[in-house]
Amino acid sequence: MQQKNLFYDKDCIPVPALRAMQLEKLRKIIAYEYERVALFRTRCDKKGVKPRDLETLADLAKFPFMKKTDLRDEYPFGLTATPMSEINRFHCSSGTTGKPICIPQTAGDVEVWTEGVVRCLSMYGITKDDVVQVSYGYGLFTGGLGAHYGAEKLGCAVLPTGAGNTEKQIMLMKDLNVTAICCTPSYFLHLATVAEKLGVDFRRDTKLKHGIFGAEPWTDEMRSKIEEISGITAHDIYGLTEIAGPGVAGNCGHSNGLHIWEDHFYPEIVDPDTLEPLPDGEEGELVITTLDRFGTPMIRYRTRDLSRLHVEQCPCGRTMRVMDRVHARSDDMLIIHGVNVFPSQIEACLLKVPQVAPHYMIELSSTATMDRFEIKVEVIDGAFSDTISDMELIRRKVSASIKEVVGLSPVITLVPSGSLPRSEGKIKRVIDNRKK
């Protein structure tokens, strides 16, 4: 049994009581949104549905979806449901392709978000005795402040390094006896690479025990690689700016999935093509309704993350449903020669070949007659060779691993360790230069 923590009893609300609570909160938030947000009210009226029509949890399917383009189209305050005098904080996502999304939050919204992070950290076994290094970016991005507020609320000593300045981060990790780090999985791999070059062994030279990773889809193979090279336990924390940032869900250690804090976030799984609700146990797109956020409520928000909800209760005793770890997003899918390919599939294939590192880049371009599918992947130190036969053997292993899973044979370009770009935030794995 998982050791009880300060939120364990709350995590174990009997299911009938939890469902009754969800229905009561849904009725309140839908009525609130209908009264205060014109876009939601217009869409409900167009569908012929009113807040009073929510009589059961199943009735939520009658109501319209919200999606990221709504936040961009209504930027900055079109979806804000409270007076500006009640707004406590703004968070925004990147706006590299136009307007960013803007999420005004009340003090209560921030408190709910912080509670979610605390519950995740507690579930991972982190206590007030831990020193937590926050290497997510601070500022508009939710990762840094979300992890910071949660760790601080739990009573931990927090080291707010933010992203970047990697050598200094490693020095501080050693000198301040850091026991847990919060960052993207790709940045931790970068930290590990730099540490190796500095002669720092995480097992020997640091007190690091926990890694709290999120903000990017990552595979089970990546998790195993991180634990293998560092000796830490890799934990998954899920969230997104539109819903609350990190702390919507986390893994307990008894399951490969993540418990969603259903008393604050109501989950659905829908078919990404038909948008019809799917029963627990079937994979589809995760849709979330915020039950306790009043600055910018999200009703049936399409996350684009592919997952499933499990029927059976977790052995840890928590009654909050478990969602599959997010390995892919529906909008990350690439169509190459008519085949659906996810970057996460490529990552899993590469990590099966011991001579290559988990640093890669997918490049797509158009020729006169067809698409060109190239994967650049780093070869680990000591395996890169000038001998053509040695490199060809590695190339064939990589190509065979990928073809077995996705049925395609990309051009494999092997490059020396450290030659591909590193990211101090979310990693960009795909460059698609095909003619649209």
Protein backbone atom coordinates (compact mmCIF):
# COMPACT_ATOMS: atom_id res chain seq x y z
CA MET A 1 0.00 0.00 0.00
CA GLN A 2 1.25 3.45 -0.89
CA GLN A 3 2.27 5.37 2.22
CA LYS A 4 -0.53 7.75 3.15
CA ASN A 5 0.11 11.44 2.63
CA LEU A 6 -1.74 14.60 3.55
CA PHE A 7 -4.19 14.21 0.63
CA TYR A 8 -4.50 10.43 0.55
CA ASP A 9 -8.00 10.32 2.12
CA LYS A 10 -9.23 12.96 -0.33
CA ASP A 11 -7.82 10.89 -3.19
CA CYS A 12 -9.92 7.93 -2.01
CA ILE A 13 -13.41 9.45 -2.00
CA PRO A 14 -15.96 6.62 -2.49
CA VAL A 15 -16.95 6.53 -6.16
CA PRO A 16 -20.70 7.24 -5.66
CA ALA A 17 -19.86 10.30 -3.57
CA LEU A 18 -17.28 11.41 -6.13
CA ARG A 19 -19.76 11.12 -9.01
CA ALA A 20 -22.39 13.07 -7.05
CA MET A 21 -19.81 15.78 -6.33
CA GLN A 22 -18.84 15.95 -10.01
CA LEU A 23 -22.46 16.31 -11.12
CA GLU A 24 -23.08 19.11 -8.62
CA LYS A 25 -19.93 20.97 -9.71
CA LEU A 26 -20.71 20.46 -13.41
CA ARG A 27 -24.18 21.97 -12.98
CA LYS A 28 -22.67 24.98 -11.26
CA ILE A 29 -19.81 25.61 -13.71
CA ILE A 30 -21.93 25.13 -16.84
CA ALA A 31 -24.56 27.58 -15.58
CA TYR A 32 -21.77 30.00 -14.63
CA GLU A 33 -20.13 29.70 -18.06
CA TYR A 34 -23.44 30.00 -19.92
CA GLU A 35 -24.29 33.23 -18.07
CA ARG A 36 -20.88 34.89 -18.44
CA VAL A 37 -19.18 33.71 -21.66
CA ALA A 38 -20.90 34.70 -24.91
CA LEU A 39 -19.14 32.12 -27.13
CA PHE A 40 -20.24 29.23 -24.93
CA ARG A 41 -23.80 30.54 -24.65
CA THR A 42 -24.08 31.00 -28.43
CA ARG A 43 -22.84 27.46 -29.09
CA CYS A 44 -25.21 25.97 -26.52
CA ASP A 45 -28.14 27.86 -28.03
CA LYS A 46 -27.16 26.65 -31.50
CA LYS A 47 -27.19 23.04 -30.24
CA GLY A 48 -30.48 23.65 -28.45
CA VAL A 49 -29.07 22.81 -25.02
CA LYS A 50 -29.43 24.74 -21.75
CA PRO A 51 -27.65 24.34 -18.38
CA ARG A 52 -30.83 22.79 -16.94
CA ASP A 53 -30.45 19.90 -19.41
CA LEU A 54 -27.52 18.53 -17.39
CA GLU A 55 -29.40 15.98 -15.29
CA THR A 56 -26.78 13.20 -15.30
CA LEU A 57 -23.05 12.99 -15.97
CA ALA A 58 -23.83 11.41 -19.34
CA ASP A 59 -25.69 14.60 -20.31
CA LEU A 60 -22.37 16.45 -20.50
CA ALA A 61 -22.02 14.95 -24.01
CA LYS A 62 -24.87 17.23 -25.15
CA PHE A 63 -22.74 20.34 -24.61
CA PRO A 64 -20.29 21.87 -27.11
CA PHE A 65 -16.53 21.36 -27.07
CA MET A 66 -13.92 24.03 -26.55
CA LYS A 67 -10.54 23.96 -28.28
CA LYS A 68 -7.29 25.88 -28.47
CA THR A 69 -8.37 27.95 -31.47
CA ASP A 70 -11.20 29.37 -29.32
CA LEU A 71 -8.63 30.83 -26.94
CA ARG A 72 -6.69 32.37 -29.82
CA ASP A 73 -9.81 33.68 -31.57
CA GLU A 74 -11.15 35.20 -28.33
CA TYR A 75 -7.76 36.60 -27.20
CA PRO A 76 -7.25 38.09 -24.71
CA PHE A 77 -10.43 38.27 -22.60
CA GLY A 78 -13.25 36.76 -24.68
CA LEU A 79 -13.40 33.61 -22.53
CA THR A 80 -12.80 35.33 -19.20
CA ALA A 81 -15.75 34.77 -16.88
CA THR A 82 -14.87 37.02 -13.93
CA PRO A 83 -14.38 40.78 -13.54
CA MET A 84 -10.76 41.86 -13.91
CA SER A 85 -10.76 42.87 -10.24
CA GLU A 86 -10.94 39.14 -9.37
CA ILE A 87 -8.07 38.08 -11.67
CA ASN A 88 -4.91 37.16 -9.77
CA ARG A 89 -2.56 35.82 -12.46
CA PHE A 90 -2.12 35.44 -16.23
CA HIS A 91 -0.43 32.50 -17.94
CA CYS A 92 0.09 32.20 -21.67
CA SER A 93 1.36 29.57 -24.07
CA SER A 94 3.83 30.33 -26.82
CA GLY A 95 2.51 32.44 -29.68
CA THR A 96 5.07 31.48 -32.32
CA THR A 97 2.37 31.06 -34.96
CA GLY A 98 0.25 34.08 -34.05
CA LYS A 99 -1.58 35.19 -30.95
CA PRO A 100 -0.77 33.24 -27.78
CA ILE A 101 -3.47 31.69 -25.67
CA CYS A 102 -4.12 33.70 -22.49
CA ILE A 103 -5.52 32.16 -19.31
CA PRO A 104 -6.59 34.68 -16.65
CA GLN A 105 -6.83 32.98 -13.24
CA THR A 106 -8.37 33.92 -9.91
CA ALA A 107 -6.59 33.34 -6.60
CA GLY A 108 -8.88 30.33 -6.12
CA ASP A 109 -7.88 28.92 -9.52
CA VAL A 110 -4.20 29.15 -8.56
CA GLU A 111 -4.97 27.45 -5.23
CA VAL A 112 -6.67 24.50 -6.98
CA TRP A 113 -3.72 24.20 -9.36
CA THR A 114 -1.23 24.29 -6.48
CA GLU A 115 -3.18 21.60 -4.64
CA GLY A 116 -2.95 19.35 -7.69
CA VAL A 117 0.84 19.66 -7.75
CA VAL A 118 1.07 19.00 -4.00
CA ARG A 119 -1.03 15.84 -4.38
CA CYS A 120 1.22 14.61 -7.19
CA LEU A 121 4.43 15.30 -5.26
CA SER A 122 3.04 13.63 -2.15
CA MET A 123 2.04 10.62 -4.22
CA TYR A 124 5.61 10.34 -5.56
CA GLY A 125 6.89 10.10 -1.98
CA ILE A 126 8.29 13.64 -1.81
CA THR A 127 8.10 15.31 1.62
CA LYS A 128 9.09 18.54 3.33
CA ASP A 129 12.55 17.04 3.85
CA ASP A 130 13.28 17.11 0.10
CA VAL A 131 15.16 19.76 -1.85
CA VAL A 132 13.38 20.33 -5.16
CA GLN A 133 15.15 21.86 -8.16
CA VAL A 134 12.70 23.45 -10.59
CA SER A 135 14.27 23.47 -14.06
CA TYR A 136 11.11 24.23 -15.99
CA GLY A 137 10.97 27.70 -17.51
CA TYR A 138 9.54 30.40 -15.28
CA GLY A 139 7.30 33.19 -16.54
CA LEU A 140 4.37 32.81 -18.94
CA PHE A 141 4.93 29.04 -19.14
CA THR A 142 3.05 27.21 -16.36
CA GLY A 143 5.73 24.62 -15.60
CA GLY A 144 8.12 26.65 -13.44
CA LEU A 145 5.67 28.46 -11.18
CA GLY A 146 3.35 25.45 -10.99
CA ALA A 147 6.07 23.12 -9.71
CA HIS A 148 7.50 25.88 -7.51
CA TYR A 149 4.24 26.73 -5.75
CA GLY A 150 3.41 23.04 -5.23
CA ALA A 151 6.79 22.11 -3.80
CA GLU A 152 6.82 25.18 -1.58
CA LYS A 153 3.28 24.45 -0.33
CA LEU A 154 4.40 20.93 0.55
CA GLY A 155 7.16 22.43 2.68
CA CYS A 156 10.12 21.51 0.48
CA ALA A 157 13.17 23.69 0.02
CA VAL A 158 12.90 24.95 -3.57
CA LEU A 159 15.82 25.74 -5.89
CA PRO A 160 14.30 27.88 -8.70
CA THR A 161 16.95 27.46 -11.40
CA GLY A 162 14.60 27.72 -14.37
CA ALA A 163 15.84 26.36 -17.68
CA GLY A 164 19.33 26.93 -19.06
CA ASN A 165 22.81 27.55 -17.60
CA THR A 166 23.19 23.79 -17.40
CA GLU A 167 26.68 23.56 -15.90
CA LYS A 168 25.65 25.83 -13.04
CA GLN A 169 22.52 23.75 -12.48
CA ILE A 170 24.66 20.64 -12.07
CA MET A 171 26.96 22.43 -9.62
CA LEU A 172 24.01 23.62 -7.53
CA MET A 173 22.41 20.18 -7.66
CA LYS A 174 25.56 18.75 -6.07
CA ASP A 175 26.30 21.53 -3.59
CA LEU A 176 22.75 22.00 -2.29
CA ASN A 177 21.97 18.27 -2.01
CA VAL A 178 19.02 18.37 -4.41
CA THR A 179 16.86 15.24 -4.07
CA ALA A 180 14.19 15.93 -6.73
CA ILE A 181 14.20 17.75 -10.06
CA CYS A 182 11.26 19.04 -12.12
CA CYS A 183 11.88 19.54 -15.85
CA THR A 184 11.10 18.18 -19.30
CA PRO A 185 12.46 14.70 -20.00
CA SER A 186 14.47 16.02 -22.95
CA TYR A 187 16.15 18.65 -20.75
CA PHE A 188 17.05 16.02 -18.15
CA LEU A 189 18.77 14.00 -20.87
CA HIS A 190 20.71 17.15 -21.76
CA LEU A 191 21.63 17.61 -18.09
CA ALA A 192 22.84 14.01 -17.98
CA THR A 193 24.97 14.49 -21.09
CA VAL A 194 26.60 17.64 -19.72
CA ALA A 195 27.12 16.00 -16.32
CA GLU A 196 28.94 13.10 -17.95
CA LYS A 197 31.27 15.51 -19.77
CA LEU A 198 31.96 17.27 -16.45
CA GLY A 199 32.76 13.94 -14.80
CA VAL A 200 29.66 14.09 -12.57
CA ASP A 201 27.92 10.81 -11.79
CA PHE A 202 24.36 11.34 -10.54
CA ARG A 203 24.50 8.18 -8.41
CA ARG A 204 27.88 8.90 -6.86
CA ASP A 205 28.02 12.69 -6.69
CA THR A 206 24.43 13.82 -5.97
CA LYS A 207 21.53 13.02 -3.64
CA LEU A 208 19.07 13.00 -6.54
CA LYS A 209 16.28 10.43 -6.09
CA HIS A 210 13.26 11.74 -8.01
CA GLY A 211 12.63 13.24 -11.43
CA ILE A 212 9.24 14.88 -12.08
CA PHE A 213 8.84 15.10 -15.84
CA GLY A 214 6.14 16.64 -18.00
CA ALA A 215 5.32 19.15 -20.77
CA GLU A 216 6.30 16.65 -23.52
CA PRO A 217 4.96 13.26 -24.58
CA TRP A 218 7.58 10.67 -23.62
CA THR A 219 7.73 6.94 -24.02
CA ASP A 220 8.20 4.06 -21.58
CA GLU A 221 11.52 3.48 -23.31
CA MET A 222 12.57 7.05 -22.53
CA ARG A 223 11.58 6.57 -18.89
CA SER A 224 13.68 3.40 -18.68
CA LYS A 225 16.64 5.19 -20.29
CA ILE A 226 16.42 8.09 -17.81
CA GLU A 227 16.31 5.73 -14.83
CA GLU A 228 19.15 3.63 -16.23
CA ILE A 229 21.58 6.52 -16.73
CA SER A 230 20.76 8.37 -13.49
CA GLY A 231 19.52 5.89 -10.90
CA ILE A 232 16.50 8.07 -10.08
CA THR A 233 12.80 7.23 -10.14
CA ALA A 234 11.14 8.99 -13.08
CA HIS A 235 7.63 10.28 -12.30
CA ASP A 236 5.10 11.57 -14.82
CA ILE A 237 3.13 14.75 -14.12
CA TYR A 238 0.41 15.81 -16.55
CA GLY A 239 -1.15 19.18 -17.21
CA LEU A 240 -1.63 21.88 -19.79
CA THR A 241 -1.89 25.65 -19.65
CA GLU A 242 -5.50 25.65 -20.82
CA ILE A 243 -6.58 23.49 -17.87
CA ALA A 244 -4.23 24.29 -14.97
CA GLY A 245 -0.61 23.57 -15.84
CA PRO A 246 1.19 20.60 -14.23
CA GLY A 247 -0.75 18.82 -11.50
CA VAL A 248 -3.88 17.65 -13.32
CA ALA A 249 -2.70 14.03 -12.96
CA GLY A 250 0.27 11.98 -11.81
CA ASN A 251 1.41 8.38 -11.40
CA CYS A 252 1.28 6.55 -8.07
CA GLY A 253 3.84 3.81 -8.71
CA HIS A 254 1.27 0.99 -8.65
CA SER A 255 0.12 1.68 -12.21
CA ASN A 256 1.76 2.72 -15.46
CA GLY A 257 -0.95 5.36 -15.80
CA LEU A 258 -1.76 8.58 -14.00
CA HIS A 259 -4.50 9.39 -11.48
CA ILE A 260 -6.60 12.36 -12.60
CA TRP A 261 -7.75 14.55 -9.71
CA GLU A 262 -11.36 14.05 -10.69
CA ASP A 263 -12.72 16.22 -7.90
CA HIS A 264 -11.32 19.19 -9.86
CA PHE A 265 -11.04 17.95 -13.47
CA TYR A 266 -13.75 15.86 -15.15
CA PRO A 267 -12.29 13.60 -17.87
CA GLU A 268 -13.89 12.12 -20.98
CA ILE A 269 -12.48 10.10 -23.85
CA VAL A 270 -13.94 10.78 -27.30
CA ASP A 271 -13.32 9.39 -30.75
CA PRO A 272 -10.99 11.99 -32.35
CA ASP A 273 -12.79 11.64 -35.69
CA THR A 274 -16.49 11.40 -34.75
CA LEU A 275 -16.14 13.19 -31.37
CA GLU A 276 -18.56 10.66 -29.87
CA PRO A 277 -17.86 9.68 -26.23
CA LEU A 278 -16.04 6.37 -25.74
CA PRO A 279 -16.42 4.07 -22.73
CA ASP A 280 -13.66 3.61 -20.17
CA GLY A 281 -11.01 1.26 -21.53
CA GLU A 282 -11.06 2.53 -25.13
CA GLU A 283 -8.35 4.80 -26.50
CA GLY A 284 -9.23 8.19 -27.90
CA GLU A 285 -8.78 11.90 -27.33
CA LEU A 286 -8.77 13.15 -23.76
CA VAL A 287 -11.36 15.87 -23.07
CA ILE A 288 -11.32 17.74 -19.75
CA THR A 289 -13.82 20.01 -18.01
CA THR A 290 -12.52 22.21 -15.19
CA LEU A 291 -14.85 21.89 -12.21
CA ASP A 292 -13.40 24.59 -9.96
CA ARG A 293 -11.81 27.20 -12.21
CA PHE A 294 -13.75 30.42 -12.49
CA GLY A 295 -11.36 32.86 -14.19
CA THR A 296 -11.36 30.97 -17.50
CA PRO A 297 -13.53 27.84 -17.16
CA MET A 298 -12.99 25.17 -19.78
CA ILE A 299 -16.03 23.05 -20.67
CA ARG A 300 -15.23 19.86 -22.62
CA TYR A 301 -11.79 21.10 -23.68
CA ARG A 302 -10.22 18.98 -26.43
CA THR A 303 -6.65 18.38 -25.27
CA ARG A 304 -5.59 16.54 -28.47
CA ASP A 305 -3.76 14.09 -26.18
CA LEU A 306 -4.40 10.43 -26.90
CA SER A 307 -5.13 8.30 -23.85
CA ARG A 308 -7.68 5.98 -22.25
CA LEU A 309 -9.41 5.77 -18.86
CA HIS A 310 -9.16 2.54 -16.91
CA VAL A 311 -12.18 0.80 -15.44
CA GLU A 312 -10.52 -1.08 -12.59
CA GLN A 313 -9.55 0.64 -9.35
CA CYS A 314 -5.82 1.06 -8.74
CA PRO A 315 -4.18 -1.16 -6.07
CA CYS A 316 -2.99 2.00 -4.28
CA GLY A 317 -6.55 2.55 -3.06
CA ARG A 318 -7.20 5.83 -4.85
CA THR A 319 -10.60 6.03 -6.49
CA MET A 320 -9.61 8.75 -8.97
CA ARG A 321 -9.57 7.13 -12.40
CA VAL A 322 -6.26 6.26 -14.05
CA MET A 323 -5.48 7.56 -17.52
CA ASP A 324 -2.83 6.07 -19.77
CA ARG A 325 0.40 8.04 -19.95
CA VAL A 326 0.25 10.37 -22.95
CA HIS A 327 2.65 9.04 -25.57
CA ALA A 328 1.24 11.00 -28.50
CA ARG A 329 -1.04 13.84 -29.53
CA SER A 330 -3.53 13.61 -32.37
CA ASP A 331 -2.11 16.84 -33.85
CA ASP A 332 1.46 15.43 -33.70
CA MET A 333 0.56 12.70 -36.17
CA LEU A 334 2.54 12.76 -39.41
CA ILE A 335 1.18 11.25 -42.63
CA ILE A 336 4.13 9.91 -44.63
CA HIS A 337 3.51 7.94 -47.82
CA GLY A 338 -0.06 7.46 -46.60
CA VAL A 339 1.06 5.98 -43.26
CA ASN A 340 0.20 7.53 -39.88
CA VAL A 341 3.41 8.05 -37.89
CA PHE A 342 3.87 9.50 -34.40
CA PRO A 343 7.25 10.84 -33.21
CA SER A 344 6.82 8.74 -30.06
CA GLN A 345 6.91 5.59 -32.21
CA ILE A 346 10.21 6.68 -33.70
CA GLU A 347 11.63 7.41 -30.24
CA ALA A 348 10.66 3.97 -28.95
CA CYS A 349 12.30 2.32 -31.96
CA LEU A 350 15.55 4.27 -31.58
CA LEU A 351 15.86 3.41 -27.90
CA LYS A 352 15.87 -0.29 -28.77
CA VAL A 353 19.24 0.17 -30.53
CA PRO A 354 21.96 0.39 -27.84
CA GLN A 355 24.49 2.21 -30.07
CA VAL A 356 22.33 5.31 -30.55
CA ALA A 357 21.45 8.08 -28.11
CA PRO A 358 17.91 9.39 -27.40
CA HIS A 359 18.62 12.56 -29.39
CA TYR A 360 17.07 12.65 -32.84
CA MET A 361 15.44 14.87 -35.43
CA ILE A 362 12.79 13.94 -38.01
CA GLU A 363 13.08 15.92 -41.24
CA LEU A 364 10.45 15.77 -43.98
CA SER A 365 10.77 17.35 -47.40
CA SER A 366 9.24 16.99 -50.85
CA THR A 367 10.96 15.76 -53.97
CA ALA A 368 9.53 15.94 -57.48
CA THR A 369 7.71 12.63 -57.03
CA MET A 370 7.38 11.82 -53.32
CA ASP A 371 8.06 12.79 -49.71
CA ARG A 372 11.56 12.37 -48.30
CA PHE A 373 11.59 10.92 -44.76
CA GLU A 374 14.90 11.36 -42.94
CA ILE A 375 15.85 10.71 -39.33
CA LYS A 376 19.04 12.16 -37.92
CA VAL A 377 20.11 10.34 -34.78
CA GLU A 378 23.16 10.66 -32.56
CA VAL A 379 25.48 7.73 -32.00
CA ILE A 380 26.74 7.35 -28.42
CA ASP A 381 30.33 8.20 -27.56
CA GLY A 382 32.59 5.30 -28.41
CA ALA A 383 30.25 3.84 -31.03
CA PHE A 384 30.68 6.50 -33.71
CA SER A 385 33.30 5.27 -36.16
CA ASP A 386 34.93 6.23 -39.42
CA THR A 387 34.64 2.63 -40.48
CA ILE A 388 31.88 2.38 -43.05
CA SER A 389 30.96 -1.20 -42.17
CA ASP A 390 30.48 -0.37 -38.46
CA MET A 391 28.24 2.59 -39.19
CA GLU A 392 26.26 0.69 -41.81
CA LEU A 393 25.51 -2.02 -39.26
CA ILE A 394 24.10 0.55 -36.81
CA ARG A 395 22.15 2.21 -39.61
CA ARG A 396 20.59 -1.10 -40.61
CA LYS A 397 19.59 -1.85 -37.00
CA VAL A 398 17.87 1.53 -36.69
CA SER A 399 16.13 1.19 -40.04
CA ALA A 400 14.92 -2.35 -39.26
CA SER A 401 13.59 -1.28 -35.85
CA ILE A 402 11.56 1.53 -37.43
CA LYS A 403 10.29 -0.51 -40.35
CA GLU A 404 9.07 -3.23 -38.00
CA VAL A 405 6.82 -0.75 -36.17
CA VAL A 406 5.70 1.81 -38.77
CA GLY A 407 6.28 -0.11 -42.01
CA LEU A 408 8.50 2.57 -43.58
CA SER A 409 12.22 2.72 -44.29
CA PRO A 410 13.40 6.29 -43.67
CA VAL A 411 16.79 7.66 -44.65
CA ILE A 412 18.93 7.20 -41.52
CA THR A 413 21.69 9.74 -40.96
CA LEU A 414 24.01 8.93 -38.06
CA VAL A 415 25.71 11.92 -36.44
CA PRO A 416 28.24 12.25 -33.60
CA SER A 417 27.12 12.70 -30.01
CA GLY A 418 26.25 16.29 -29.15
CA SER A 419 25.75 17.45 -32.75
CA LEU A 420 21.94 17.85 -32.72
CA PRO A 421 20.29 20.89 -31.09
CA ARG A 422 19.43 20.67 -27.40
CA SER A 423 16.41 22.32 -25.83
CA GLU A 424 16.12 24.09 -22.50
CA GLY A 425 12.33 23.96 -22.80
CA LYS A 426 10.05 21.79 -24.92
CA ILE A 427 12.08 19.92 -27.52
CA LYS A 428 11.24 20.24 -31.23
CA ARG A 429 11.65 16.83 -32.85
CA VAL A 430 10.09 17.41 -36.29
CA ILE A 431 10.99 19.71 -39.17
CA ASP A 432 8.36 19.41 -41.88
CA ASN A 433 9.40 21.27 -45.04
CA ARG A 434 7.00 19.51 -47.36
CA LYS A 435 4.99 21.54 -49.81
CA LYS A 436 1.51 21.98 -48.41
